[in-house]
Protein backbone atom coordinates (compact mmCIF):
# COMPACT_ATOMS: atom_id res chain seq x y z
CA MET A 1 39.58 -13.69 164.39
CA LYS A 2 41.30 -17.00 163.57
CA SER A 3 44.05 -15.14 161.66
CA THR A 4 44.69 -12.78 164.71
CA LEU A 5 44.70 -15.74 167.09
CA TYR A 6 47.06 -17.64 165.07
CA ARG A 7 49.48 -14.65 164.95
CA LEU A 8 49.42 -14.28 168.61
CA ILE A 9 50.10 -18.08 169.20
CA CYS A 10 52.96 -17.97 166.55
CA CYS A 11 54.29 -14.77 168.20
CA VAL A 12 54.49 -16.35 171.58
CA LEU A 13 55.90 -19.62 170.45
CA PHE A 14 58.62 -17.96 168.36
CA VAL A 15 59.62 -14.46 167.95
CA SER A 16 62.64 -13.28 166.17
CA VAL A 17 63.90 -10.01 164.51
CA SER A 18 66.78 -9.17 162.21
CA SER A 19 70.13 -9.67 163.62
CA CYS A 20 70.90 -5.73 163.38
CA VAL A 21 68.44 -5.02 165.94
CA GLU A 22 67.86 -6.31 169.51
CA GLU A 23 65.66 -9.22 170.02
CA ILE A 24 62.39 -8.64 172.06
CA ALA A 25 61.84 -10.86 175.03
CA PHE A 26 58.43 -12.33 175.74
CA SER A 27 56.82 -13.22 179.10
CA THR A 28 54.43 -16.18 179.18
CA THR A 29 52.33 -14.82 181.96
CA HIS A 30 48.62 -15.45 181.27
CA ASN A 31 45.39 -13.73 182.24
CA LYS A 32 46.90 -10.64 183.82
CA ARG A 33 45.96 -7.19 182.95
CA ALA A 34 48.86 -5.09 181.77
CA LEU A 35 49.56 -1.45 181.90
CA VAL A 36 49.82 -0.18 178.29
CA ILE A 37 52.12 2.79 177.84
CA GLU A 38 52.27 4.85 174.58
CA SER A 39 54.71 7.67 174.57
CA THR A 40 56.93 9.21 171.76
CA LEU A 41 58.88 12.37 172.82
CA THR A 42 59.97 14.37 169.89
CA ASN A 43 62.20 17.23 168.92
CA GLU A 44 59.22 19.35 168.26
CA ILE A 45 58.48 22.19 170.66
CA ARG A 46 54.83 21.19 171.69
CA PHE A 47 52.74 19.79 174.45
CA GLN A 48 54.12 16.16 174.64
CA GLU A 49 51.71 13.38 175.39
CA VAL A 50 51.71 9.96 177.39
CA ARG A 51 48.78 7.64 176.92
CA LEU A 52 47.96 4.93 179.64
CA SER A 53 45.45 2.14 179.35
CA HIS A 54 45.11 -1.63 180.06
CA SER A 55 45.14 -4.57 178.06
CA TYR A 56 41.81 -6.41 177.71
CA ALA A 57 40.58 -9.95 177.00
CA LEU A 58 38.84 -10.60 173.69
CA ASN A 59 35.48 -11.15 175.37
CA GLN A 60 35.66 -7.63 176.99
CA ALA A 61 34.13 -4.48 175.44
CA GLY A 62 37.23 -2.43 175.21
CA PRO A 63 40.23 -1.10 177.25
CA SER A 64 40.12 0.77 180.34
CA TYR A 65 42.00 4.02 180.90
CA GLU A 66 44.46 4.62 183.80
CA THR A 67 43.40 7.89 185.49
CA ASN A 68 44.95 9.94 188.39
CA ALA A 69 48.33 8.74 187.54
CA ILE A 70 51.50 10.80 188.31
CA VAL A 71 53.38 11.21 185.09
CA SER A 72 56.76 13.05 184.45
CA ILE A 73 59.78 13.07 181.95
CA SER A 74 63.20 13.95 183.28
CA ASP A 75 66.38 14.24 181.70
CA ASP A 76 70.11 13.85 182.78
CA GLN A 77 70.52 17.65 183.57
CA GLN A 78 68.00 17.45 186.39
CA GLN A 79 65.12 19.02 184.22
CA THR A 80 61.73 17.44 185.02
CA TYR A 81 58.51 18.06 182.94
CA THR A 82 55.24 17.17 184.55
CA PHE A 83 52.11 16.04 182.84
CA HIS A 84 48.38 16.45 183.64
CA SER A 85 45.51 14.03 182.82
CA LEU A 86 42.98 14.98 180.18
CA ASP A 87 40.51 12.47 178.65
CA SER A 88 40.73 8.47 177.94
CA GLY A 89 44.03 8.03 179.54
CA ARG A 90 45.74 10.90 177.76
CA TYR A 91 48.33 12.90 179.64
CA VAL A 92 49.78 16.18 178.33
CA SER A 93 52.84 17.99 179.48
CA ASP A 94 52.12 21.13 181.61
CA VAL A 95 54.39 23.12 179.31
CA GLN A 96 55.73 22.97 175.76
CA PHE A 97 59.16 21.45 175.27
CA ALA A 98 61.22 19.43 173.02
CA ALA A 99 63.98 16.78 173.24
CA VAL A 100 67.36 17.87 172.35
CA PRO A 101 70.52 15.99 171.21
CA GLY A 102 73.08 14.87 173.70
CA ARG A 103 70.60 14.37 176.68
CA LEU A 104 69.07 11.29 178.17
CA TYR A 105 65.32 11.16 178.97
CA GLN A 106 63.55 8.92 181.39
CA LEU A 107 59.64 8.60 181.60
CA GLU A 108 58.29 8.04 185.15
CA ILE A 109 54.84 6.88 186.09
CA GLN A 110 53.04 6.28 189.35
CA THR A 111 49.61 4.74 189.06
CA ALA A 112 46.74 5.37 191.28
CA ASP A 113 47.26 2.23 193.00
CA GLY A 114 50.83 3.23 193.93
CA GLN A 115 52.63 0.98 191.33
CA GLN A 116 55.69 2.70 189.75
CA TYR A 117 57.12 2.48 186.30
CA SER A 118 60.01 3.80 184.50
CA SER A 119 61.95 3.69 181.42
CA THR A 120 65.54 3.30 180.44
CA PRO A 121 67.26 6.62 179.88
CA THR A 122 66.76 7.27 176.20
CA ALA A 123 68.65 9.61 173.77
CA LEU A 124 67.16 11.47 170.83
CA THR A 125 67.91 10.02 167.53
CA SER A 126 69.38 11.85 164.60
CA GLU A 127 67.21 13.80 162.31
CA THR A 128 66.58 13.29 158.58
CA GLN A 129 64.58 15.60 156.34
CA ILE A 130 61.81 14.40 153.99
CA ASP A 131 63.05 15.72 150.72
CA ALA A 132 60.03 15.14 148.62
CA LEU A 133 56.57 14.06 148.96
CA ASN A 134 54.35 13.32 145.83
CA VAL A 135 51.19 11.72 144.60
CA ALA A 136 50.60 9.42 141.66
CA MET A 137 47.65 7.57 140.40
CA GLU A 138 48.56 3.76 139.97
CA SER A 139 46.70 0.62 139.25
CA ILE A 140 47.16 -2.04 142.04
CA GLU A 141 45.64 -5.51 141.44
CA GLY A 142 43.17 -4.04 138.99
CA LYS A 143 41.97 -1.17 141.10
CA ASP A 144 43.05 2.48 140.75
CA TYR A 145 44.69 4.28 143.82
CA PHE A 146 46.18 7.71 144.75
CA VAL A 147 49.52 6.70 146.17
CA ILE A 148 51.49 9.03 148.35
CA LYS A 149 55.26 8.46 148.16
CA LEU A 150 58.34 10.19 149.66
CA ASP A 151 62.05 10.58 149.26
CA SER A 152 64.42 10.90 152.04
CA TYR A 153 68.28 10.77 152.43
CA ASP A 154 70.70 10.90 155.53
CA PRO A 155 74.18 11.39 153.96
CA THR A 156 75.66 10.51 157.47
CA GLY A 157 74.03 7.05 157.20
CA GLN A 158 73.02 7.34 160.89
CA SER A 159 69.24 7.11 160.67
CA LYS A 160 68.58 3.83 158.96
CA TYR A 161 65.22 3.10 160.87
CA TYR A 162 61.94 5.06 160.09
CA ARG A 163 58.60 4.99 161.36
CA TYR A 164 55.72 7.07 159.58
CA ALA A 165 52.45 8.57 160.76
CA TYR A 166 50.10 10.91 158.76
CA GLU A 167 47.21 13.22 159.36
CA GLU A 168 44.90 13.55 156.34
CA THR A 169 42.56 16.58 155.93
CA TYR A 170 39.97 16.71 153.19
CA LYS A 171 37.26 19.01 151.71
CA ILE A 172 33.66 18.15 151.95
CA VAL A 173 31.02 19.74 149.79
CA ALA A 174 27.42 18.92 150.59
CA PRO A 175 25.79 18.00 147.19
CA TYR A 176 22.20 19.20 148.18
CA TYR A 177 23.02 22.28 150.08
CA SER A 178 20.43 25.09 149.93
CA ASP A 179 20.63 28.84 151.30
CA TYR A 180 17.07 28.39 152.26
CA LYS A 181 15.19 26.62 154.92
CA THR A 182 11.68 25.89 155.86
CA ILE A 183 9.48 27.15 158.58
CA VAL A 184 6.10 25.89 159.75
CA ILE A 185 3.56 28.51 159.43
CA GLN A 186 0.71 26.36 160.59
CA ASN A 187 0.99 23.02 162.31
CA GLU A 188 -2.57 21.83 161.93
CA SER A 189 -4.91 21.48 159.00
CA PRO A 190 -4.81 23.29 156.63
CA TYR A 191 -1.12 22.99 157.14
CA LYS A 192 1.15 25.53 155.87
CA VAL A 193 4.99 25.64 155.37
CA ASP A 194 7.22 28.46 153.83
CA THR A 195 10.78 28.95 152.88
CA VAL A 196 13.07 31.73 154.25
CA PRO A 197 16.83 32.45 153.69
CA LYS A 198 19.21 31.01 156.18
CA THR A 199 20.62 33.48 158.66
CA THR A 200 23.34 31.12 159.87
CA ALA A 201 26.71 30.39 158.41
CA SER A 202 26.87 28.22 155.33
CA THR A 203 27.16 24.55 155.85
CA LYS A 204 27.98 23.70 152.38
CA ILE A 205 31.68 23.31 152.62
CA CYS A 206 33.47 21.63 155.56
CA TYR A 207 36.80 20.02 156.46
CA ALA A 208 37.56 16.85 158.14
CA THR A 209 40.79 15.40 159.64
CA GLN A 210 41.84 11.77 160.35
CA ARG A 211 44.90 10.34 161.74
CA SER A 212 46.65 7.18 160.69
CA GLN A 213 46.14 4.15 162.94
CA GLU A 214 48.48 1.68 161.35
CA ILE A 215 52.25 1.15 161.95
CA ILE A 216 54.29 2.20 158.96
CA GLN A 217 57.95 1.26 158.98
CA THR A 218 60.88 0.81 156.85
CA GLU A 219 64.71 0.42 157.17
CA THR A 220 67.76 0.92 155.11
CA THR A 221 70.31 -1.44 156.69
CA ALA A 222 70.47 -3.66 153.58
CA LEU A 223 71.18 -0.76 151.24
CA THR A 224 74.39 0.75 150.20
CA GLU A 225 73.18 4.28 151.48
CA ASP A 226 70.73 5.57 153.83
CA ARG A 227 68.29 6.69 151.13
CA LEU A 228 64.52 6.17 150.49
CA HIS A 229 63.18 6.68 147.03
CA GLN A 230 59.44 6.81 146.25
CA PHE A 231 58.58 4.89 149.55
CA PRO A 232 54.77 4.42 149.65
CA VAL A 233 53.55 5.88 152.86
CA HIS A 234 49.61 5.84 152.09
CA ARG A 235 47.31 4.99 149.26
CA LEU A 236 43.71 5.88 148.70
CA PRO A 237 41.21 4.26 146.31
CA VAL A 238 40.32 6.88 143.39
CA ASP A 239 36.67 6.25 144.52
CA ASP A 240 37.38 7.22 148.06
CA PHE A 241 35.09 9.99 149.50
CA LYS A 242 38.05 11.79 150.97
CA VAL A 243 39.40 12.58 147.56
CA SER A 244 36.23 14.04 146.09
CA HIS A 245 37.49 17.61 145.92
CA ARG A 246 40.59 18.72 147.51
CA TYR A 247 42.85 16.59 149.77
CA SER A 248 45.85 17.27 152.09
CA ILE A 249 48.23 14.81 153.86
CA LEU A 250 50.77 15.80 156.47
CA VAL A 251 53.48 13.04 156.72
CA LYS A 252 55.75 12.80 159.73
CA GLN A 253 58.87 10.89 159.48
CA PHE A 254 60.23 9.47 162.78
CA VAL A 255 63.80 8.29 162.99
CA GLN A 256 63.87 5.20 165.47
CA SER A 257 66.49 3.58 167.43
CA PRO A 258 67.14 -0.05 166.46
CA GLU A 259 65.26 -1.12 169.82
CA ALA A 260 62.37 1.05 168.98
CA TYR A 261 62.19 -0.23 165.54
CA ALA A 262 62.11 -3.95 166.67
CA TYR A 263 59.58 -3.07 169.30
CA PHE A 264 57.09 -1.42 166.86
CA ASN A 265 57.83 -4.05 164.20
CA THR A 266 56.98 -6.87 166.45
CA LEU A 267 53.92 -5.04 167.61
CA ASN A 268 52.81 -4.52 164.14
CA GLU A 269 52.89 -8.34 163.63
CA PHE A 270 50.79 -9.12 166.70
CA SER A 271 47.49 -7.57 165.27
CA GLU A 272 46.01 -5.50 162.36
CA ASP A 273 43.27 -4.27 164.62
CA GLU A 274 42.96 -0.59 164.87
CA ASN A 275 43.58 -0.87 168.69
CA LEU A 276 46.92 -2.47 168.33
CA PHE A 277 47.12 -3.63 172.04
CA SER A 278 43.75 -5.00 172.46
CA GLN A 279 44.29 -8.61 171.44
CA ILE A 280 47.75 -9.03 173.04
CA GLN A 281 46.73 -11.49 175.55
CA THR A 282 48.65 -14.95 175.07
CA GLY A 283 52.03 -13.08 175.85
CA PHE A 284 53.37 -9.86 176.66
CA ILE A 285 55.90 -7.67 174.68
CA THR A 286 58.61 -6.08 176.91
CA GLY A 287 59.89 -2.85 175.66
CA ASN A 288 62.18 -0.22 177.53
CA ILE A 289 59.79 0.16 180.42
CA SER A 290 59.86 -1.73 183.71
CA ALA A 291 57.76 -1.82 186.97
CA GLU A 292 59.28 -1.46 190.33
CA ASP A 293 57.08 -4.45 191.41
CA PRO A 294 58.47 -7.70 189.54
CA GLU A 295 54.86 -9.02 189.54
CA ALA A 296 53.44 -6.15 187.60
CA THR A 297 53.03 -6.47 184.00
CA VAL A 298 53.63 -3.44 181.49
CA ILE A 299 53.59 -3.20 177.71
CA GLY A 300 55.06 -0.12 176.11
CA PHE A 301 58.10 1.62 174.82
CA PHE A 302 59.32 5.23 175.63
CA GLU A 303 60.67 6.51 172.33
CA VAL A 304 62.59 9.54 171.87
CA ALA A 305 62.63 10.28 168.16
CA ALA A 306 63.63 13.05 165.78
CA VAL A 307 60.81 13.89 163.61
CA ASN A 308 60.42 15.87 160.18
CA SER A 309 57.31 16.46 158.34
CA LYS A 310 56.00 17.55 154.88
CA ARG A 311 52.60 18.43 153.62
CA LEU A 312 51.06 17.62 150.24
CA PHE A 313 47.84 19.02 148.56
CA PHE A 314 46.12 17.76 145.41
CA ASN A 315 42.76 17.93 143.89
CA TYR A 316 40.51 15.11 142.36
CA ARG A 317 40.38 17.17 139.01
CA ASP A 318 44.26 17.04 138.88
CA PHE A 319 43.97 13.60 137.85
CA ILE A 320 40.32 12.99 136.68
CA ASN A 321 38.14 15.28 134.68
CA THR A 322 34.75 13.88 135.06
CA GLY A 323 32.58 12.53 137.86
CA ARG A 324 33.15 12.42 141.47
CA PRO A 325 33.58 9.71 143.99
CA PRO A 326 30.23 8.63 145.68
CA TYR A 327 29.16 10.88 148.39
CA LYS A 328 29.57 9.45 152.02
CA ASN A 329 25.87 9.24 152.53
CA GLU A 330 23.06 8.02 150.14
CA CYS A 331 21.34 11.16 148.71
CA SER A 332 17.89 10.55 147.28
CA PRO A 333 15.58 13.72 147.32
CA GLN A 334 12.05 13.03 148.39
CA ALA A 335 8.70 15.16 148.13
CA PRO A 336 6.39 14.08 151.04
CA GLU A 337 2.85 15.40 150.87
CA LEU A 338 2.20 18.61 152.86
CA GLU A 339 -1.23 17.12 154.07
CA THR A 340 -2.89 13.67 153.93
CA ASP A 341 -6.28 12.54 154.89
CA LYS A 342 -6.59 8.80 155.47
CA GLY A 343 -9.41 7.35 157.21
CA ASN A 344 -10.36 10.50 158.93
CA GLU A 345 -6.90 11.05 160.18
CA VAL A 346 -5.23 14.21 158.90
CA GLY A 347 -1.54 14.64 159.07
CA SER A 348 1.46 16.26 157.26
CA PRO A 349 4.27 13.73 156.26
CA LEU A 350 6.35 16.68 155.14
CA ILE A 351 6.23 18.49 158.53
CA ASP A 352 6.84 15.29 160.32
CA GLN A 353 10.02 14.57 158.43
CA LEU A 354 11.28 18.12 158.76
CA ASN A 355 10.54 17.92 162.52
CA SER A 356 12.32 14.73 162.88
CA GLY A 357 15.71 16.58 162.32
CA GLU A 358 16.88 13.90 159.84
CA TYR A 359 15.55 15.86 156.73
CA MET A 360 16.12 19.37 155.53
CA PHE A 361 14.78 21.50 152.61
CA TYR A 362 16.63 21.23 149.26
CA MET A 363 14.46 23.11 146.64
CA ALA A 364 10.81 23.65 145.48
CA ASN A 365 9.14 20.76 143.64
CA HIS A 366 8.50 22.08 140.25
CA ALA A 367 7.56 18.73 138.74
CA ARG A 368 5.05 16.96 141.11
CA SER A 369 4.22 13.54 140.47
CA GLU A 370 2.62 10.36 141.83
CA PHE A 371 6.00 9.59 143.42
CA PHE A 372 6.92 13.17 144.22
CA PRO A 373 3.58 14.76 145.30
CA GLY A 374 4.93 17.34 147.82
CA PRO A 375 5.59 20.99 147.31
CA TYR A 376 9.32 20.69 148.29
CA LEU A 377 12.23 18.39 147.58
CA ILE A 378 13.80 17.30 150.94
CA VAL A 379 17.06 15.27 151.68
CA ASN A 380 18.67 13.60 154.30
CA ARG A 381 20.54 16.05 156.55
CA ALA A 382 23.94 14.57 155.78
CA CYS A 383 23.37 15.51 152.05
CA GLY A 384 22.61 19.17 152.70
CA ASP A 385 24.80 19.92 155.87
CA CYS A 386 28.40 19.10 155.73
CA THR A 387 28.68 19.59 159.47
CA VAL A 388 27.47 15.93 159.71
CA PHE A 389 30.89 14.81 158.63
CA GLY A 390 33.13 17.77 159.20
CA SER A 391 33.74 21.31 160.43
CA VAL A 392 32.98 24.58 158.62
CA GLU A 393 36.21 26.09 160.16
CA LYS A 394 38.98 26.05 157.44
CA PRO A 395 42.25 24.91 158.90
CA ASP A 396 45.06 27.49 159.25
CA PHE A 397 47.18 25.65 156.91
CA TRP A 398 44.66 24.93 154.19
CA VAL A 399 45.41 26.44 150.71
CA ASP A 400 42.83 26.48 147.87
CA ILE A 401 43.92 26.30 144.43
């Protein structure tokens, strides 16, 4: 917290950026709620998105979202794309469309209270391909990591400013999965439980996807050519649960304008918190979006960026031949008694735990002991049912090797 506040105070007192990009102006307005606008229009044909929320004080629980706003993007050829509201301040275009070269695009918003906001007309940046995406195992400060790196080159030298985002998908294998389940035959003394084959789809293998939260940027203005070689986009500790079996990452490269680069770079300096806008209270960043009412405060930048993407797969066994990273959940089999009789009170610890929904059957207990007295070994549900952490539906892009 102290570090974050120090950053905020320093940013308000003095903010400067490289001479090759436009300086970002700051307002010293205090204690005013700002509309936060997040929008990147790309050259991908897809449903484009705009996100609207409000800044909040450090003593508040979290942001509030702007609902019932009128949102649109128009170009200089009189083409207008309207948006509709979904969840959590997210607005999605009614049709799929893409930004095209040579046109100017403008974002316009009217909030529920009648305030109007608009961006400056913005053109699409030049596109640059990701030439290569690879992974290597490296030791960094005494800890081993899988490091994802890329190569990119713009022979025209027009790109120069880059921002990256990634989407990682990983395979989950439940270590204590069983094709059988328990059924209660008799729920009173003498208690009786049996096992039967499962009739539902297997929950042994799942897939989970997470998107990057941090701002990742680089630029080539100081280099002799507009080339990136082995730029590190992401790194994962080799003992990360995500890389236990098979892992995939989709990296997106956004070519930014100098103004967009400066805005995101300064925003990144404000906070390392996952919600990058949550702690911006002492001063406000001004981007390329303004309000019709001079008293209204807005934080945001309408970016129109050319994007290129590349996907990479790798297996844990491609690098390490033995062992696996620790499972996401602690997995220690138990064998509770089927029936107990303590002080004239008869009960079934096994049935109680199964009925709680927190535990499930793993296998028959063939070696009963003082510490494992029951007829079955049971485990925490997360250890036998991968849907606790992911989905059994295999992504369309997934390839197993």
